[in-house]
Amino acid sequence: MPSRRFTILAADRSSGVVRRATVSIRPLAIAVAILLATPILIGFGAAWKGWNDVADLRADHRSLQIENANYRQATEALAGQIQSLQAAITDLSTRSALDPNLARAMNRLPAIVKSRAMGGGSTPPSKEFELSYTRTLSALATPDDTFGMLRSLLEGLQTRLNVVRRDVERQNALANATPSMWPAYGWLSSTMGIRRDPITGGPDYHSGLDIAGEKGQAVYATAAGTVRHVGYQGAYGNLIVIDHGFGLETRYGHLLKYLVTPGVKVQRGDTIALVGATGRATGYHLHYEVVANGRLINPLQLLTQKPTGR
């Protein structure tokens, strides 16, 4: 069907000139349609872009939710580690506290006994090592790097605390094994060293302390340990020997009666015997010796605590 045409006349009244313009209806309709459709197409394009942007935002939101959940879990794990470290520090501060008198006695033990008690072990991370971690944190690029570094730091601190806890346990074990308590009430009638023999009157080396007292008075274990020997032994008379570990041993002689048997574990202050005068003795008293790593040492340097019988 042929396209309709329209003629448009434009007349100039002043000059009388008439201008004609012939317009085809189809191109005009197409132009008008394009003109009217352009805003609609622009609107659809903007809406499509908006839908895409919203979809991207939703995907980013889901990604952030997952990431936040991971960070939350990591934070809770770090908080748990921190609480564990705080509890360990509190526990260590409580367990490492020693009675001053007992600490003085421990310090007077031979070096070989103390080194045997502490033993070897891995060296805990140094302060410089921890500071290097702290300085590195400022240079990390992402939160994941920061969390990873913090986990490593906390694990290092936990390892260090485990080493310190082990040392505190060994310290406390040595403290319990240190013969620091007087083994009986009474008065010191003879010290360790050269003296006049009370029987022959000649020179004599006395290997321990003599604590004079009444017949049947209690004799106390001076530290925690295991009874290794109970029986009559020459000049000692009735003798008890306690093994305290770490190369430490105590001997109690001239006893009237035993109150323990071999293999029994005792604690400091436990009553183990009664004062007597058996063996080579001129009166009722307790003969007391301390052996460290196979050698006799002067008990007086360790006796810092009064008897606390049980």
C-alpha atoms as a PDB file:
ATOM      1  CA  MET A   1       0.000   0.000   0.000  1.00  0.00           C
ATOM      2  CA  PRO A   2       1.530   3.328  -0.990  1.00  0.00           C
ATOM      3  CA  SER A   3       2.512   5.609   1.849  1.00  0.00           C
ATOM      4  CA  ARG A   4       0.285   8.580   2.366  1.00  0.00           C
ATOM      5  CA  ARG A   5       1.800  11.988   1.939  1.00  0.00           C
ATOM      6  CA  PHE A   6       0.857  15.325   3.471  1.00  0.00           C
ATOM      7  CA  THR A   7       1.725  18.752   2.212  1.00  0.00           C
ATOM      8  CA  ILE A   8       2.423  21.424   4.762  1.00  0.00           C
ATOM      9  CA  LEU A   9       2.011  25.046   3.615  1.00  0.00           C
ATOM     10  CA  ALA A  10       3.767  27.930   5.305  1.00  0.00           C
ATOM     11  CA  ALA A  11       2.843  31.465   4.117  1.00  0.00           C
ATOM     12  CA  ASP A  12       4.662  34.691   4.927  1.00  0.00           C
ATOM     13  CA  ARG A  13       1.984  37.411   5.247  1.00  0.00           C
ATOM     14  CA  SER A  14       4.335  40.256   4.813  1.00  0.00           C
ATOM     15  CA  SER A  15       5.864  39.044   1.574  1.00  0.00           C
ATOM     16  CA  GLY A  16       3.153  36.699   0.382  1.00  0.00           C
ATOM     17  CA  VAL A  17       5.657  33.915  -0.131  1.00  0.00           C
ATOM     18  CA  VAL A  18       4.220  30.445   0.303  1.00  0.00           C
ATOM     19  CA  ARG A  19       6.479  27.484   1.174  1.00  0.00           C
ATOM     20  CA  ARG A  20       5.443  23.888   0.782  1.00  0.00           C
ATOM     21  CA  ALA A  21       6.795  20.786   2.482  1.00  0.00           C
ATOM     22  CA  THR A  22       5.646  17.317   1.593  1.00  0.00           C
ATOM     23  CA  VAL A  23       5.925  14.791   4.395  1.00  0.00           C
ATOM     24  CA  SER A  24       5.440  11.039   4.169  1.00  0.00           C
ATOM     25  CA  ILE A  25       3.403   9.645   7.082  1.00  0.00           C
ATOM     26  CA  ARG A  26       5.491   6.441   7.576  1.00  0.00           C
ATOM     27  CA  PRO A  27       8.866   8.076   8.283  1.00  0.00           C
ATOM     28  CA  LEU A  28       7.093  10.582  10.446  1.00  0.00           C
ATOM     29  CA  ALA A  29       5.389   7.839  12.411  1.00  0.00           C
ATOM     30  CA  ILE A  30       8.660   5.989  12.778  1.00  0.00           C
ATOM     31  CA  ALA A  31      10.406   9.137  13.986  1.00  0.00           C
ATOM     32  CA  VAL A  32       7.615   9.857  16.471  1.00  0.00           C
ATOM     33  CA  ALA A  33       7.679   6.244  17.667  1.00  0.00           C
ATOM     34  CA  ILE A  34      11.416   6.366  18.139  1.00  0.00           C
ATOM     35  CA  LEU A  35      11.093   9.669  19.963  1.00  0.00           C
ATOM     36  CA  LEU A  36       8.432   8.263  22.263  1.00  0.00           C
ATOM     37  CA  ALA A  37      10.228   4.900  22.783  1.00  0.00           C
ATOM     38  CA  THR A  38      13.565   6.405  23.666  1.00  0.00           C
ATOM     39  CA  PRO A  39      12.640   7.329  27.282  1.00  0.00           C
ATOM     40  CA  ILE A  40      11.015   3.943  27.726  1.00  0.00           C
ATOM     41  CA  LEU A  41      14.112   2.133  26.480  1.00  0.00           C
ATOM     42  CA  ILE A  42      16.283   4.302  28.677  1.00  0.00           C
ATOM     43  CA  GLY A  43      14.039   3.443  31.623  1.00  0.00           C
ATOM     44  CA  PHE A  44      14.251  -0.271  30.874  1.00  0.00           C
ATOM     45  CA  GLY A  45      18.047  -0.007  30.607  1.00  0.00           C
ATOM     46  CA  ALA A  46      18.282   1.815  33.904  1.00  0.00           C
ATOM     47  CA  ALA A  47      15.994  -0.746  35.531  1.00  0.00           C
ATOM     48  CA  TRP A  48      18.069  -3.624  34.132  1.00  0.00           C
ATOM     49  CA  LYS A  49      21.245  -2.017  35.421  1.00  0.00           C
ATOM     50  CA  GLY A  50      19.578  -1.485  38.790  1.00  0.00           C
ATOM     51  CA  TRP A  51      18.520  -5.131  38.925  1.00  0.00           C
ATOM     52  CA  ASN A  52      22.078  -6.196  38.112  1.00  0.00           C
ATOM     53  CA  ASP A  53      23.479  -3.830  40.740  1.00  0.00           C
ATOM     54  CA  VAL A  54      21.044  -5.172  43.327  1.00  0.00           C
ATOM     55  CA  ALA A  55      22.011  -8.743  42.434  1.00  0.00           C
ATOM     56  CA  ASP A  56      25.686  -7.850  42.793  1.00  0.00           C
ATOM     57  CA  LEU A  57      24.987  -6.187  46.133  1.00  0.00           C
ATOM     58  CA  ARG A  58      23.098  -9.246  47.343  1.00  0.00           C
ATOM     59  CA  ALA A  59      25.981 -11.493  46.308  1.00  0.00           C
ATOM     60  CA  ASP A  60      28.438  -9.162  48.065  1.00  0.00           C
ATOM     61  CA  HIS A  61      26.168  -9.154  51.117  1.00  0.00           C
ATOM     62  CA  ARG A  62      26.097 -12.968  51.224  1.00  0.00           C
ATOM     63  CA  SER A  63      29.869 -13.040  50.814  1.00  0.00           C
ATOM     64  CA  LEU A  64      30.263 -10.528  53.634  1.00  0.00           C
ATOM     65  CA  GLN A  65      27.913 -12.558  55.844  1.00  0.00           C
ATOM     66  CA  ILE A  66      30.021 -15.687  55.276  1.00  0.00           C
ATOM     67  CA  GLU A  67      33.218 -13.722  55.867  1.00  0.00           C
ATOM     68  CA  ASN A  68      31.813 -12.139  59.035  1.00  0.00           C
ATOM     69  CA  ALA A  69      30.737 -15.566  60.284  1.00  0.00           C
ATOM     70  CA  ASN A  70      34.261 -16.866  59.709  1.00  0.00           C
ATOM     71  CA  TYR A  71      35.738 -13.872  61.497  1.00  0.00           C
ATOM     72  CA  ARG A  72      33.248 -14.352  64.332  1.00  0.00           C
ATOM     73  CA  GLN A  73      34.328 -17.962  64.717  1.00  0.00           C
ATOM     74  CA  ALA A  74      37.984 -16.951  64.573  1.00  0.00           C
ATOM     75  CA  THR A  75      37.371 -14.207  67.136  1.00  0.00           C
ATOM     76  CA  GLU A  76      35.580 -16.624  69.482  1.00  0.00           C
ATOM     77  CA  ALA A  77      38.465 -19.084  69.125  1.00  0.00           C
ATOM     78  CA  LEU A  78      40.978 -16.332  69.905  1.00  0.00           C
ATOM     79  CA  ALA A  79      38.881 -15.191  72.878  1.00  0.00           C
ATOM     80  CA  GLY A  80      38.861 -18.768  74.174  1.00  0.00           C
ATOM     81  CA  GLN A  81      42.633 -18.977  73.831  1.00  0.00           C
ATOM     82  CA  ILE A  82      43.034 -15.661  75.626  1.00  0.00           C
ATOM     83  CA  GLN A  83      40.810 -16.842  78.499  1.00  0.00           C
ATOM     84  CA  SER A  84      42.817 -20.052  78.678  1.00  0.00           C
ATOM     85  CA  LEU A  85      46.043 -18.055  78.847  1.00  0.00           C
ATOM     86  CA  GLN A  86      44.623 -15.793  81.562  1.00  0.00           C
ATOM     87  CA  ALA A  87      43.550 -18.816  83.616  1.00  0.00           C
ATOM     88  CA  ALA A  88      46.981 -20.401  83.131  1.00  0.00           C
ATOM     89  CA  ILE A  89      48.723 -17.199  84.242  1.00  0.00           C
ATOM     90  CA  THR A  90      46.533 -16.981  87.357  1.00  0.00           C
ATOM     91  CA  ASP A  91      47.180 -20.655  88.119  1.00  0.00           C
ATOM     92  CA  LEU A  92      50.923 -20.229  87.685  1.00  0.00           C
ATOM     93  CA  SER A  93      51.070 -17.143  89.902  1.00  0.00           C
ATOM     94  CA  THR A  94      49.264 -19.084  92.640  1.00  0.00           C
ATOM     95  CA  ARG A  95      51.304 -22.266  92.342  1.00  0.00           C
ATOM     96  CA  SER A  96      54.674 -20.565  92.039  1.00  0.00           C
ATOM     97  CA  ALA A  97      54.350 -18.770  95.385  1.00  0.00           C
ATOM     98  CA  LEU A  98      56.588 -20.426  97.988  1.00  0.00           C
ATOM     99  CA  ASP A  99      56.973 -19.923 101.710  1.00  0.00           C
ATOM    100  CA  PRO A 100      60.002 -17.606 102.125  1.00  0.00           C
ATOM    101  CA  ASN A 101      61.655 -19.966 104.611  1.00  0.00           C
ATOM    102  CA  LEU A 102      61.229 -22.919 102.282  1.00  0.00           C
ATOM    103  CA  ALA A 103      62.552 -20.856  99.357  1.00  0.00           C
ATOM    104  CA  ARG A 104      65.673 -20.019 101.376  1.00  0.00           C
ATOM    105  CA  ALA A 105      66.221 -23.700 102.134  1.00  0.00           C
ATOM    106  CA  MET A 106      65.855 -24.587  98.448  1.00  0.00           C
ATOM    107  CA  ASN A 107      68.401 -21.949  97.492  1.00  0.00           C
ATOM    108  CA  ARG A 108      70.922 -23.601  99.823  1.00  0.00           C
ATOM    109  CA  LEU A 109      70.646 -26.986  98.140  1.00  0.00           C
ATOM    110  CA  PRO A 110      73.687 -28.102  96.116  1.00  0.00           C
ATOM    111  CA  ALA A 111      73.618 -26.902  92.518  1.00  0.00           C
ATOM    112  CA  ILE A 112      73.576 -30.461  91.177  1.00  0.00           C
ATOM    113  CA  VAL A 113      70.362 -31.205  93.092  1.00  0.00           C
ATOM    114  CA  LYS A 114      68.637 -28.077  91.754  1.00  0.00           C
ATOM    115  CA  SER A 115      69.762 -28.758  88.197  1.00  0.00           C
ATOM    116  CA  ARG A 116      68.500 -32.341  88.467  1.00  0.00           C
ATOM    117  CA  ALA A 117      65.147 -31.034  89.658  1.00  0.00           C
ATOM    118  CA  MET A 118      64.730 -28.499  86.853  1.00  0.00           C
ATOM    119  CA  GLY A 119      66.069 -30.800  84.133  1.00  0.00           C
ATOM    120  CA  GLY A 120      66.393 -29.853  80.468  1.00  0.00           C
ATOM    121  CA  GLY A 121      63.771 -28.659  78.065  1.00  0.00           C
ATOM    122  CA  SER A 122      63.019 -26.481  75.141  1.00  0.00           C
ATOM    123  CA  THR A 123      63.715 -22.798  75.554  1.00  0.00           C
ATOM    124  CA  PRO A 124      60.520 -20.744  75.577  1.00  0.00           C
ATOM    125  CA  PRO A 125      60.112 -18.020  72.939  1.00  0.00           C
ATOM    126  CA  SER A 126      61.948 -14.842  73.881  1.00  0.00           C
ATOM    127  CA  LYS A 127      60.428 -11.412  74.407  1.00  0.00           C
ATOM    128  CA  GLU A 128      62.142 -10.243  71.234  1.00  0.00           C
ATOM    129  CA  PHE A 129      60.336 -13.019  69.341  1.00  0.00           C
ATOM    130  CA  GLU A 130      56.976 -11.797  70.636  1.00  0.00           C
ATOM    131  CA  LEU A 131      57.800  -8.171  69.843  1.00  0.00           C
ATOM    132  CA  SER A 132      58.705  -9.125  66.286  1.00  0.00           C
ATOM    133  CA  TYR A 133      55.210 -10.591  65.923  1.00  0.00           C
ATOM    134  CA  THR A 134      53.708  -7.340  67.229  1.00  0.00           C
ATOM    135  CA  ARG A 135      55.723  -5.219  64.821  1.00  0.00           C
ATOM    136  CA  THR A 136      54.761  -7.470  61.918  1.00  0.00           C
ATOM    137  CA  LEU A 137      51.032  -7.052  62.633  1.00  0.00           C
ATOM    138  CA  SER A 138      51.148  -3.425  61.490  1.00  0.00           C
ATOM    139  CA  ALA A 139      52.429  -4.508  58.056  1.00  0.00           C
ATOM    140  CA  LEU A 140      49.767  -7.146  57.361  1.00  0.00           C
ATOM    141  CA  ALA A 141      47.494  -6.476  54.399  1.00  0.00           C
ATOM    142  CA  THR A 142      44.290  -8.397  55.194  1.00  0.00           C
ATOM    143  CA  PRO A 143      42.267  -9.409  58.272  1.00  0.00           C
ATOM    144  CA  ASP A 144      42.985 -13.048  57.440  1.00  0.00           C
ATOM    145  CA  ASP A 145      46.711 -12.340  57.716  1.00  0.00           C
ATOM    146  CA  THR A 146      46.128 -10.573  61.038  1.00  0.00           C
ATOM    147  CA  PHE A 147      44.052 -13.431  62.458  1.00  0.00           C
ATOM    148  CA  GLY A 148      46.626 -15.957  61.298  1.00  0.00           C
ATOM    149  CA  MET A 149      49.445 -14.024  62.928  1.00  0.00           C
ATOM    150  CA  LEU A 150      47.471 -13.613  66.151  1.00  0.00           C
ATOM    151  CA  ARG A 151      46.753 -17.345  66.246  1.00  0.00           C
ATOM    152  CA  SER A 152      50.449 -18.089  65.805  1.00  0.00           C
ATOM    153  CA  LEU A 153      51.349 -15.612  68.534  1.00  0.00           C
ATOM    154  CA  LEU A 154      48.812 -17.074  70.966  1.00  0.00           C
ATOM    155  CA  GLU A 155      49.970 -20.614  70.195  1.00  0.00           C
ATOM    156  CA  GLY A 156      53.545 -19.504  70.888  1.00  0.00           C
ATOM    157  CA  LEU A 157      52.487 -17.965  74.194  1.00  0.00           C
ATOM    158  CA  GLN A 158      50.586 -21.145  75.104  1.00  0.00           C
ATOM    159  CA  THR A 159      53.731 -23.169  74.417  1.00  0.00           C
ATOM    160  CA  ARG A 160      55.744 -20.806  76.562  1.00  0.00           C
ATOM    161  CA  LEU A 161      53.221 -21.055  79.396  1.00  0.00           C
ATOM    162  CA  ASN A 162      53.316 -24.851  79.182  1.00  0.00           C
ATOM    163  CA  VAL A 163      57.093 -24.725  79.608  1.00  0.00           C
ATOM    164  CA  VAL A 164      56.761 -22.332  82.553  1.00  0.00           C
ATOM    165  CA  ARG A 165      54.021 -24.536  84.068  1.00  0.00           C
ATOM    166  CA  ARG A 166      56.304 -27.559  83.808  1.00  0.00           C
ATOM    167  CA  ASP A 167      59.098 -25.613  85.536  1.00  0.00           C
ATOM    168  CA  VAL A 168      56.705 -24.519  88.307  1.00  0.00           C
ATOM    169  CA  GLU A 169      55.631 -28.135  88.825  1.00  0.00           C
ATOM    170  CA  ARG A 170      59.274 -29.193  89.100  1.00  0.00           C
ATOM    171  CA  GLN A 171      59.955 -26.301  91.461  1.00  0.00           C
ATOM    172  CA  ASN A 172      57.056 -27.333  93.681  1.00  0.00           C
ATOM    173  CA  ALA A 173      58.177 -30.971  93.588  1.00  0.00           C
ATOM    174  CA  LEU A 174      61.663 -29.916  94.720  1.00  0.00           C
ATOM    175  CA  ALA A 175      60.115 -27.678  97.393  1.00  0.00           C
ATOM    176  CA  ASN A 176      58.157 -30.643  98.782  1.00  0.00           C
ATOM    177  CA  ALA A 177      61.322 -32.759  98.710  1.00  0.00           C
ATOM    178  CA  THR A 178      63.572 -30.211 100.457  1.00  0.00           C
ATOM    179  CA  PRO A 179      64.292 -31.291 104.086  1.00  0.00           C
ATOM    180  CA  SER A 180      63.574 -27.905 105.608  1.00  0.00           C
ATOM    181  CA  MET A 181      61.703 -28.782 108.827  1.00  0.00           C
ATOM    182  CA  TRP A 182      63.241 -29.693 112.177  1.00  0.00           C
ATOM    183  CA  PRO A 183      62.698 -33.439 112.694  1.00  0.00           C
ATOM    184  CA  ALA A 184      61.912 -33.231 116.410  1.00  0.00           C
ATOM    185  CA  TYR A 185      61.352 -30.866 119.309  1.00  0.00           C
ATOM    186  CA  GLY A 186      64.233 -30.537 121.747  1.00  0.00           C
ATOM    187  CA  TRP A 187      67.627 -28.905 121.982  1.00  0.00           C
ATOM    188  CA  LEU A 188      70.639 -29.239 119.717  1.00  0.00           C
ATOM    189  CA  SER A 189      73.192 -31.291 121.641  1.00  0.00           C
ATOM    190  CA  SER A 190      75.707 -31.843 118.837  1.00  0.00           C
ATOM    191  CA  THR A 191      76.294 -30.357 115.399  1.00  0.00           C
ATOM    192  CA  MET A 192      77.911 -31.770 112.282  1.00  0.00           C
ATOM    193  CA  GLY A 193      81.696 -31.811 112.131  1.00  0.00           C
ATOM    194  CA  ILE A 194      84.733 -32.530 114.320  1.00  0.00           C
ATOM    195  CA  ARG A 195      83.891 -33.119 117.988  1.00  0.00           C
ATOM    196  CA  ARG A 196      84.971 -35.103 121.065  1.00  0.00           C
ATOM    197  CA  ASP A 197      83.548 -38.630 121.020  1.00  0.00           C
ATOM    198  CA  PRO A 198      80.982 -38.792 123.858  1.00  0.00           C
ATOM    199  CA  ILE A 199      81.988 -42.402 124.678  1.00  0.00           C
ATOM    200  CA  THR A 200      85.744 -42.603 124.134  1.00  0.00           C
ATOM    201  CA  GLY A 201      86.586 -38.922 124.641  1.00  0.00           C
ATOM    202  CA  GLY A 202      88.780 -38.972 121.532  1.00  0.00           C
ATOM    203  CA  PRO A 203      88.425 -36.893 118.345  1.00  0.00           C
ATOM    204  CA  ASP A 204      85.452 -37.844 116.214  1.00  0.00           C
ATOM    205  CA  TYR A 205      83.680 -36.683 113.087  1.00  0.00           C
ATOM    206  CA  HIS A 206      79.951 -36.317 113.637  1.00  0.00           C
ATOM    207  CA  SER A 207      77.985 -36.906 110.414  1.00  0.00           C
ATOM    208  CA  GLY A 208      74.768 -35.125 111.366  1.00  0.00           C
ATOM    209  CA  LEU A 209      72.826 -33.390 114.127  1.00  0.00           C
ATOM    210  CA  ASP A 210      71.866 -34.692 117.560  1.00  0.00           C
ATOM    211  CA  ILE A 211      68.588 -33.322 118.904  1.00  0.00           C
ATOM    212  CA  ALA A 212      68.132 -34.264 122.560  1.00  0.00           C
ATOM    213  CA  GLY A 213      64.648 -34.841 123.905  1.00  0.00           C
ATOM    214  CA  GLU A 214      62.440 -36.958 126.079  1.00  0.00           C
ATOM    215  CA  LYS A 215      61.988 -40.681 125.554  1.00  0.00           C
ATOM    216  CA  GLY A 216      59.089 -41.375 123.166  1.00  0.00           C
ATOM    217  CA  GLN A 217      58.869 -37.877 121.655  1.00  0.00           C
ATOM    218  CA  ALA A 218      57.616 -37.720 118.067  1.00  0.00           C
ATOM    219  CA  VAL A 219      60.039 -37.769 115.140  1.00  0.00           C
ATOM    220  CA  TYR A 220      58.785 -36.060 111.977  1.00  0.00           C
ATOM    221  CA  ALA A 221      59.575 -36.490 108.285  1.00  0.00           C
ATOM    222  CA  THR A 222      61.305 -33.283 107.222  1.00  0.00           C
ATOM    223  CA  ALA A 223      60.075 -33.450 103.613  1.00  0.00           C
ATOM    224  CA  ALA A 224      57.864 -35.502 101.314  1.00  0.00           C
ATOM    225  CA  GLY A 225      59.313 -38.796 100.171  1.00  0.00           C
ATOM    226  CA  THR A 226      59.226 -42.584 100.253  1.00  0.00           C
ATOM    227  CA  VAL A 227      60.455 -44.642 103.191  1.00  0.00           C
ATOM    228  CA  ARG A 228      63.341 -46.692 101.810  1.00  0.00           C
ATOM    229  CA  HIS A 229      64.743 -48.382 104.932  1.00  0.00           C
ATOM    230  CA  VAL A 230      63.374 -49.316 108.354  1.00  0.00           C
ATOM    231  CA  GLY A 231      65.532 -51.443 110.644  1.00  0.00           C
ATOM    232  CA  TYR A 232      68.450 -51.759 113.033  1.00  0.00           C
ATOM    233  CA  GLN A 233      71.814 -50.627 111.590  1.00  0.00           C
ATOM    234  CA  GLY A 234      74.963 -50.673 113.739  1.00  0.00           C
ATOM    235  CA  ALA A 235      75.801 -47.436 115.535  1.00  0.00           C
ATOM    236  CA  TYR A 236      72.613 -45.816 114.228  1.00  0.00           C
ATOM    237  CA  GLY A 237      70.498 -48.279 116.205  1.00  0.00           C
ATOM    238  CA  ASN A 238      66.951 -48.270 114.936  1.00  0.00           C
ATOM    239  CA  LEU A 239      67.161 -46.319 111.683  1.00  0.00           C
ATOM    240  CA  ILE A 240      64.705 -44.905 109.135  1.00  0.00           C
ATOM    241  CA  VAL A 241      65.891 -43.690 105.740  1.00  0.00           C
ATOM    242  CA  ILE A 242      63.580 -41.603 103.517  1.00  0.00           C
ATOM    243  CA  ASP A 243      64.236 -41.069  99.809  1.00  0.00           C
ATOM    244  CA  HIS A 244      62.961 -37.638  98.733  1.00  0.00           C
ATOM    245  CA  GLY A 245      63.969 -37.856  95.088  1.00  0.00           C
ATOM    246  CA  PHE A 246      66.309 -35.502  93.231  1.00  0.00           C
ATOM    247  CA  GLY A 247      69.236 -37.226  94.985  1.00  0.00           C
ATOM    248  CA  LEU A 248      68.021 -36.156  98.462  1.00  0.00           C
ATOM    249  CA  GLU A 249      67.854 -38.557 101.411  1.00  0.00           C
ATOM    250  CA  THR A 250      67.325 -38.147 105.171  1.00  0.00           C
ATOM    251  CA  ARG A 251      68.284 -40.532 107.981  1.00  0.00           C
ATOM    252  CA  TYR A 252      66.775 -40.765 111.480  1.00  0.00           C
ATOM    253  CA  GLY A 253      68.717 -42.806 114.047  1.00  0.00           C
ATOM    254  CA  HIS A 254      68.619 -44.095 117.657  1.00  0.00           C
ATOM    255  CA  LEU A 255      64.828 -44.507 117.406  1.00  0.00           C
ATOM    256  CA  LEU A 256      62.727 -46.113 120.116  1.00  0.00           C
ATOM    257  CA  LYS A 257      59.917 -47.226 117.811  1.00  0.00           C
ATOM    258  CA  TYR A 258      59.046 -47.176 114.115  1.00  0.00           C
ATOM    259  CA  LEU A 259      55.674 -45.814 112.971  1.00  0.00           C
ATOM    260  CA  VAL A 260      56.164 -46.418 109.228  1.00  0.00           C
ATOM    261  CA  THR A 261      57.145 -49.313 106.997  1.00  0.00           C
ATOM    262  CA  PRO A 262      59.317 -49.496 103.851  1.00  0.00           C
ATOM    263  CA  GLY A 263      57.618 -48.231 100.698  1.00  0.00           C
ATOM    264  CA  VAL A 264      55.227 -45.890 102.507  1.00  0.00           C
ATOM    265  CA  LYS A 265      54.950 -42.376 101.102  1.00  0.00           C
ATOM    266  CA  VAL A 266      55.154 -39.613 103.693  1.00  0.00           C
ATOM    267  CA  GLN A 267      54.622 -35.862 103.673  1.00  0.00           C
ATOM    268  CA  ARG A 268      56.524 -33.151 105.494  1.00  0.00           C
ATOM    269  CA  GLY A 269      55.385 -33.178 109.130  1.00  0.00           C
ATOM    270  CA  ASP A 270      54.175 -36.799 109.234  1.00  0.00           C
ATOM    271  CA  THR A 271      55.116 -38.631 112.450  1.00  0.00           C
ATOM    272  CA  ILE A 272      57.402 -41.518 111.486  1.00  0.00           C
ATOM    273  CA  ALA A 273      58.987 -42.678 114.795  1.00  0.00           C
ATOM    274  CA  LEU A 274      59.650 -42.013 118.464  1.00  0.00           C
ATOM    275  CA  VAL A 275      62.865 -40.660 120.026  1.00  0.00           C
ATOM    276  CA  GLY A 276      64.989 -43.364 121.668  1.00  0.00           C
ATOM    277  CA  ALA A 277      68.555 -44.272 122.621  1.00  0.00           C
ATOM    278  CA  THR A 278      69.252 -47.407 120.549  1.00  0.00           C
ATOM    279  CA  GLY A 279      72.639 -48.113 118.944  1.00  0.00           C
ATOM    280  CA  ARG A 280      75.684 -46.071 119.950  1.00  0.00           C
ATOM    281  CA  ALA A 281      73.973 -43.484 122.132  1.00  0.00           C
ATOM    282  CA  THR A 282      74.542 -42.111 125.624  1.00  0.00           C
ATOM    283  CA  GLY A 283      71.051 -40.670 126.104  1.00  0.00           C
ATOM    284  CA  TYR A 284      67.712 -40.127 124.499  1.00  0.00           C
ATOM    285  CA  HIS A 285      68.098 -38.109 121.318  1.00  0.00           C
ATOM    286  CA  LEU A 286      67.528 -38.171 117.558  1.00  0.00           C
ATOM    287  CA  HIS A 287      70.478 -38.461 115.211  1.00  0.00           C
ATOM    288  CA  TYR A 288      69.570 -36.717 111.927  1.00  0.00           C
ATOM    289  CA  GLU A 289      71.466 -36.686 108.617  1.00  0.00           C
ATOM    290  CA  VAL A 290      70.884 -35.253 105.137  1.00  0.00           C
ATOM    291  CA  VAL A 291      72.475 -36.734 102.037  1.00  0.00           C
ATOM    292  CA  ALA A 292      72.503 -34.877  98.694  1.00  0.00           C
ATOM    293  CA  ASN A 293      73.661 -36.740  95.587  1.00  0.00           C
ATOM    294  CA  GLY A 294      75.450 -39.344  97.740  1.00  0.00           C
ATOM    295  CA  ARG A 295      77.293 -36.819  99.948  1.00  0.00           C
ATOM    296  CA  LEU A 296      76.501 -35.706 103.472  1.00  0.00           C
ATOM    297  CA  ILE A 297      75.579 -32.032 103.844  1.00  0.00           C
ATOM    298  CA  ASN A 298      75.057 -29.990 106.981  1.00  0.00           C
ATOM    299  CA  PRO A 299      71.323 -30.200 107.875  1.00  0.00           C
ATOM    300  CA  LEU A 300      71.501 -26.845 109.662  1.00  0.00           C
ATOM    301  CA  GLN A 301      71.736 -24.972 106.358  1.00  0.00           C
ATOM    302  CA  LEU A 302      68.319 -26.306 105.368  1.00  0.00           C
ATOM    303  CA  LEU A 303      66.400 -26.249 108.652  1.00  0.00           C
ATOM    304  CA  THR A 304      64.254 -23.109 108.325  1.00  0.00           C
ATOM    305  CA  GLN A 305      60.867 -24.418 109.524  1.00  0.00           C
ATOM    306  CA  LYS A 306      59.635 -25.472 112.946  1.00  0.00           C
ATOM    307  CA  PRO A 307      58.113 -28.931 113.415  1.00  0.00           C
ATOM    308  CA  THR A 308      54.444 -29.146 112.453  1.00  0.00           C
ATOM    309  CA  GLY A 309      53.531 -32.651 113.527  1.00  0.00           C
ATOM    310  CA  ARG A 310      50.606 -34.598 112.058  1.00  0.00           C
END
